[in-house]
Amino acid sequence: MQLNSLAPRTKKQKASYVGRGGKRGKTSGRGTKGQSARAGHKIRPQMRDIIKKLPKRRGHGKNRARTVRANRIAVSVVNLEALEARYVSGEGVTPASLLAKGLVRRAKGRVPQVKILGGGALSKPLAVSGCAISGSALAALTAAGGTYSR
């Protein structure tokens, strides 16, 4: 056995050159003119154009967690005039009782955080607990003989 008698077991496949003359002719399988007929063509991804057209809004970018508090529960507000209309004298006012009476709605499936504001007048003594309360509402509540506990 000599080196000149050795041969590979599989034949060497010749790479097909496209667009360099030779076997294909005319456009060499590239269609007609344009960007895709040129050598080294790169078509801009369509998704990039869609992303570029979307509006860029403040608070919805890379600092989204810092600017948009997605898991924040909004505070529901109730005025004194609503308490005057729905509650009887000496009754307890809690977020759950406000929800039961239809003065507030559920926030993300839970009992909401409630703040009582001083809109309107209060003449009944009520026992408010578990709610935030404004200064004017607290003054009106204590003047009516009610109590407040956080």
C-alpha atoms as a PDB file:
ATOM      1  CA  MET A   1       0.000   0.000   0.000  1.00  0.00           C
ATOM      2  CA  GLN A   2       1.325   3.389  -0.979  1.00  0.00           C
ATOM      3  CA  LEU A   3       0.116   6.923  -0.400  1.00  0.00           C
ATOM      4  CA  ASN A   4      -0.882   7.391  -4.024  1.00  0.00           C
ATOM      5  CA  SER A   5      -3.152   4.359  -3.886  1.00  0.00           C
ATOM      6  CA  LEU A   6      -5.147   5.598  -0.858  1.00  0.00           C
ATOM      7  CA  ALA A   7      -8.618   7.010  -1.552  1.00  0.00           C
ATOM      8  CA  PRO A   8     -11.336   8.345   0.775  1.00  0.00           C
ATOM      9  CA  ARG A   9     -14.329   6.115   1.433  1.00  0.00           C
ATOM     10  CA  THR A  10     -16.829   8.889   0.654  1.00  0.00           C
ATOM     11  CA  LYS A  11     -16.534  11.211  -2.283  1.00  0.00           C
ATOM     12  CA  LYS A  12     -15.846  14.866  -1.555  1.00  0.00           C
ATOM     13  CA  GLN A  13     -18.983  16.939  -2.196  1.00  0.00           C
ATOM     14  CA  LYS A  14     -18.397  20.161  -4.063  1.00  0.00           C
ATOM     15  CA  ALA A  15     -20.024  23.266  -2.495  1.00  0.00           C
ATOM     16  CA  SER A  16     -22.580  24.852  -4.806  1.00  0.00           C
ATOM     17  CA  TYR A  17     -21.646  28.469  -5.407  1.00  0.00           C
ATOM     18  CA  VAL A  18     -24.639  30.652  -6.142  1.00  0.00           C
ATOM     19  CA  GLY A  19     -24.354  33.917  -8.023  1.00  0.00           C
ATOM     20  CA  ARG A  20     -20.870  33.428  -9.407  1.00  0.00           C
ATOM     21  CA  GLY A  21     -21.647  32.359 -12.951  1.00  0.00           C
ATOM     22  CA  GLY A  22     -21.332  28.731 -13.919  1.00  0.00           C
ATOM     23  CA  LYS A  23     -24.088  26.150 -13.773  1.00  0.00           C
ATOM     24  CA  ARG A  24     -27.131  28.233 -12.857  1.00  0.00           C
ATOM     25  CA  GLY A  25     -27.085  31.021 -15.414  1.00  0.00           C
ATOM     26  CA  LYS A  26     -28.575  34.523 -15.510  1.00  0.00           C
ATOM     27  CA  THR A  27     -29.775  35.313 -11.946  1.00  0.00           C
ATOM     28  CA  SER A  28     -28.310  32.108 -10.477  1.00  0.00           C
ATOM     29  CA  GLY A  29     -31.434  31.194  -8.515  1.00  0.00           C
ATOM     30  CA  ARG A  30     -31.727  34.579  -6.799  1.00  0.00           C
ATOM     31  CA  GLY A  31     -34.782  35.840  -8.631  1.00  0.00           C
ATOM     32  CA  THR A  32     -34.552  39.332 -10.089  1.00  0.00           C
ATOM     33  CA  LYS A  33     -33.096  42.595  -8.835  1.00  0.00           C
ATOM     34  CA  GLY A  34     -33.397  43.961  -5.334  1.00  0.00           C
ATOM     35  CA  GLN A  35     -32.004  43.616  -1.836  1.00  0.00           C
ATOM     36  CA  SER A  36     -32.441  39.857  -1.681  1.00  0.00           C
ATOM     37  CA  ALA A  37     -30.569  39.366  -4.975  1.00  0.00           C
ATOM     38  CA  ARG A  38     -27.421  41.054  -3.637  1.00  0.00           C
ATOM     39  CA  ALA A  39     -24.520  39.406  -1.885  1.00  0.00           C
ATOM     40  CA  GLY A  40     -24.482  39.758   1.887  1.00  0.00           C
ATOM     41  CA  HIS A  41     -28.097  40.950   2.045  1.00  0.00           C
ATOM     42  CA  LYS A  42     -29.732  41.313   5.453  1.00  0.00           C
ATOM     43  CA  ILE A  43     -33.470  41.878   5.721  1.00  0.00           C
ATOM     44  CA  ARG A  44     -34.504  44.001   8.712  1.00  0.00           C
ATOM     45  CA  PRO A  45     -36.602  41.907  11.146  1.00  0.00           C
ATOM     46  CA  GLN A  46     -40.286  42.793  10.915  1.00  0.00           C
ATOM     47  CA  MET A  47     -40.760  42.559  14.689  1.00  0.00           C
ATOM     48  CA  ARG A  48     -38.268  45.398  15.190  1.00  0.00           C
ATOM     49  CA  ASP A  49     -40.421  47.719  13.066  1.00  0.00           C
ATOM     50  CA  ILE A  50     -43.495  46.789  15.098  1.00  0.00           C
ATOM     51  CA  ILE A  51     -41.651  47.511  18.377  1.00  0.00           C
ATOM     52  CA  LYS A  52     -40.411  50.865  17.043  1.00  0.00           C
ATOM     53  CA  LYS A  53     -43.976  51.942  16.224  1.00  0.00           C
ATOM     54  CA  LEU A  54     -45.335  51.194  19.714  1.00  0.00           C
ATOM     55  CA  PRO A  55     -45.788  54.261  21.929  1.00  0.00           C
ATOM     56  CA  LYS A  56     -43.167  54.661  24.615  1.00  0.00           C
ATOM     57  CA  ARG A  57     -44.824  55.788  27.835  1.00  0.00           C
ATOM     58  CA  ARG A  58     -43.337  56.987  31.088  1.00  0.00           C
ATOM     59  CA  GLY A  59     -43.352  54.413  33.845  1.00  0.00           C
ATOM     60  CA  HIS A  60     -43.599  51.424  31.544  1.00  0.00           C
ATOM     61  CA  GLY A  61     -39.931  50.975  30.740  1.00  0.00           C
ATOM     62  CA  LYS A  62     -36.911  49.534  32.499  1.00  0.00           C
ATOM     63  CA  ASN A  63     -37.864  51.207  35.807  1.00  0.00           C
ATOM     64  CA  ARG A  64     -41.431  49.897  35.706  1.00  0.00           C
ATOM     65  CA  ALA A  65     -41.270  48.328  39.159  1.00  0.00           C
ATOM     66  CA  ARG A  66     -40.145  51.602  40.682  1.00  0.00           C
ATOM     67  CA  THR A  67     -42.641  53.836  38.862  1.00  0.00           C
ATOM     68  CA  VAL A  68     -45.770  51.706  38.450  1.00  0.00           C
ATOM     69  CA  ARG A  69     -46.800  49.918  41.633  1.00  0.00           C
ATOM     70  CA  ALA A  70     -48.780  47.062  40.121  1.00  0.00           C
ATOM     71  CA  ASN A  71     -49.600  45.312  43.405  1.00  0.00           C
ATOM     72  CA  ARG A  72     -50.733  48.495  45.170  1.00  0.00           C
ATOM     73  CA  ILE A  73     -54.261  48.339  46.581  1.00  0.00           C
ATOM     74  CA  ALA A  74     -56.097  51.598  46.004  1.00  0.00           C
ATOM     75  CA  VAL A  75     -57.678  53.157  49.084  1.00  0.00           C
ATOM     76  CA  SER A  76     -61.477  53.407  48.915  1.00  0.00           C
ATOM     77  CA  VAL A  77     -62.918  56.606  50.339  1.00  0.00           C
ATOM     78  CA  VAL A  78     -66.220  56.974  52.195  1.00  0.00           C
ATOM     79  CA  ASN A  79     -67.763  60.266  53.337  1.00  0.00           C
ATOM     80  CA  LEU A  80     -69.540  60.838  56.647  1.00  0.00           C
ATOM     81  CA  GLU A  81     -72.862  61.483  54.887  1.00  0.00           C
ATOM     82  CA  ALA A  82     -72.792  57.875  53.533  1.00  0.00           C
ATOM     83  CA  LEU A  83     -72.196  56.557  57.083  1.00  0.00           C
ATOM     84  CA  GLU A  84     -75.059  58.739  58.347  1.00  0.00           C
ATOM     85  CA  ALA A  85     -77.431  57.258  55.781  1.00  0.00           C
ATOM     86  CA  ARG A  86     -76.499  53.554  56.123  1.00  0.00           C
ATOM     87  CA  TYR A  87     -75.587  53.004  59.797  1.00  0.00           C
ATOM     88  CA  VAL A  88     -77.713  53.107  62.955  1.00  0.00           C
ATOM     89  CA  SER A  89     -76.578  54.641  66.236  1.00  0.00           C
ATOM     90  CA  GLY A  90     -73.828  52.725  68.074  1.00  0.00           C
ATOM     91  CA  GLU A  91     -73.049  50.391  65.164  1.00  0.00           C
ATOM     92  CA  GLY A  92     -69.472  49.381  64.328  1.00  0.00           C
ATOM     93  CA  VAL A  93     -67.877  50.647  61.107  1.00  0.00           C
ATOM     94  CA  THR A  94     -65.203  48.339  59.654  1.00  0.00           C
ATOM     95  CA  PRO A  95     -64.007  47.726  56.089  1.00  0.00           C
ATOM     96  CA  ALA A  96     -65.928  44.424  56.070  1.00  0.00           C
ATOM     97  CA  SER A  97     -69.183  46.086  57.200  1.00  0.00           C
ATOM     98  CA  LEU A  98     -68.717  48.844  54.591  1.00  0.00           C
ATOM     99  CA  LEU A  99     -68.313  46.133  51.954  1.00  0.00           C
ATOM    100  CA  ALA A 100     -71.425  44.312  53.193  1.00  0.00           C
ATOM    101  CA  LYS A 101     -73.488  47.513  53.026  1.00  0.00           C
ATOM    102  CA  GLY A 102     -72.257  48.259  49.482  1.00  0.00           C
ATOM    103  CA  LEU A 103     -70.379  51.461  50.289  1.00  0.00           C
ATOM    104  CA  VAL A 104     -67.064  50.089  48.949  1.00  0.00           C
ATOM    105  CA  ARG A 105     -66.155  47.430  46.384  1.00  0.00           C
ATOM    106  CA  ARG A 106     -63.630  44.616  46.538  1.00  0.00           C
ATOM    107  CA  ALA A 107     -60.099  45.534  45.445  1.00  0.00           C
ATOM    108  CA  LYS A 108     -58.372  42.635  43.616  1.00  0.00           C
ATOM    109  CA  GLY A 109     -60.717  40.164  45.298  1.00  0.00           C
ATOM    110  CA  ARG A 110     -59.991  41.397  48.812  1.00  0.00           C
ATOM    111  CA  VAL A 111     -61.561  43.690  51.364  1.00  0.00           C
ATOM    112  CA  PRO A 112     -60.168  47.127  50.465  1.00  0.00           C
ATOM    113  CA  GLN A 113     -58.296  49.632  52.593  1.00  0.00           C
ATOM    114  CA  VAL A 114     -60.759  52.363  53.568  1.00  0.00           C
ATOM    115  CA  LYS A 115     -60.358  56.020  54.475  1.00  0.00           C
ATOM    116  CA  ILE A 116     -63.236  57.982  55.969  1.00  0.00           C
ATOM    117  CA  LEU A 117     -63.427  61.609  54.877  1.00  0.00           C
ATOM    118  CA  GLY A 118     -65.285  64.481  56.496  1.00  0.00           C
ATOM    119  CA  GLY A 119     -67.815  65.186  53.741  1.00  0.00           C
ATOM    120  CA  GLY A 120     -71.267  65.792  55.225  1.00  0.00           C
ATOM    121  CA  ALA A 121     -72.470  65.784  58.811  1.00  0.00           C
ATOM    122  CA  LEU A 122     -72.623  63.003  61.388  1.00  0.00           C
ATOM    123  CA  SER A 123     -75.145  62.972  64.237  1.00  0.00           C
ATOM    124  CA  LYS A 124     -74.914  59.322  65.410  1.00  0.00           C
ATOM    125  CA  PRO A 125     -72.236  57.855  67.663  1.00  0.00           C
ATOM    126  CA  LEU A 126     -70.430  55.183  65.647  1.00  0.00           C
ATOM    127  CA  ALA A 127     -67.500  52.912  66.552  1.00  0.00           C
ATOM    128  CA  VAL A 128     -64.980  53.144  63.682  1.00  0.00           C
ATOM    129  CA  SER A 129     -62.146  50.592  63.581  1.00  0.00           C
ATOM    130  CA  GLY A 130     -59.733  49.298  60.941  1.00  0.00           C
ATOM    131  CA  CYS A 131     -60.107  52.357  58.742  1.00  0.00           C
ATOM    132  CA  ALA A 132     -57.958  55.414  58.138  1.00  0.00           C
ATOM    133  CA  ILE A 133     -59.723  58.664  58.981  1.00  0.00           C
ATOM    134  CA  SER A 134     -59.145  62.296  58.097  1.00  0.00           C
ATOM    135  CA  GLY A 135     -58.795  65.017  60.725  1.00  0.00           C
ATOM    136  CA  SER A 136     -62.146  66.663  59.969  1.00  0.00           C
ATOM    137  CA  ALA A 137     -63.938  63.288  60.014  1.00  0.00           C
ATOM    138  CA  LEU A 138     -62.324  62.394  63.350  1.00  0.00           C
ATOM    139  CA  ALA A 139     -63.427  65.719  64.833  1.00  0.00           C
ATOM    140  CA  ALA A 140     -67.008  65.164  63.602  1.00  0.00           C
ATOM    141  CA  LEU A 141     -66.999  61.566  64.898  1.00  0.00           C
ATOM    142  CA  THR A 142     -65.836  62.503  68.404  1.00  0.00           C
ATOM    143  CA  ALA A 143     -68.274  65.449  68.500  1.00  0.00           C
ATOM    144  CA  ALA A 144     -71.122  63.006  67.755  1.00  0.00           C
ATOM    145  CA  GLY A 145     -69.954  60.746  70.616  1.00  0.00           C
ATOM    146  CA  GLY A 146     -68.322  58.059  68.482  1.00  0.00           C
ATOM    147  CA  THR A 147     -65.034  56.242  69.024  1.00  0.00           C
ATOM    148  CA  TYR A 148     -62.087  55.509  66.715  1.00  0.00           C
ATOM    149  CA  SER A 149     -59.449  52.805  66.873  1.00  0.00           C
ATOM    150  CA  ARG A 150     -56.968  52.035  64.141  1.00  0.00           C
END
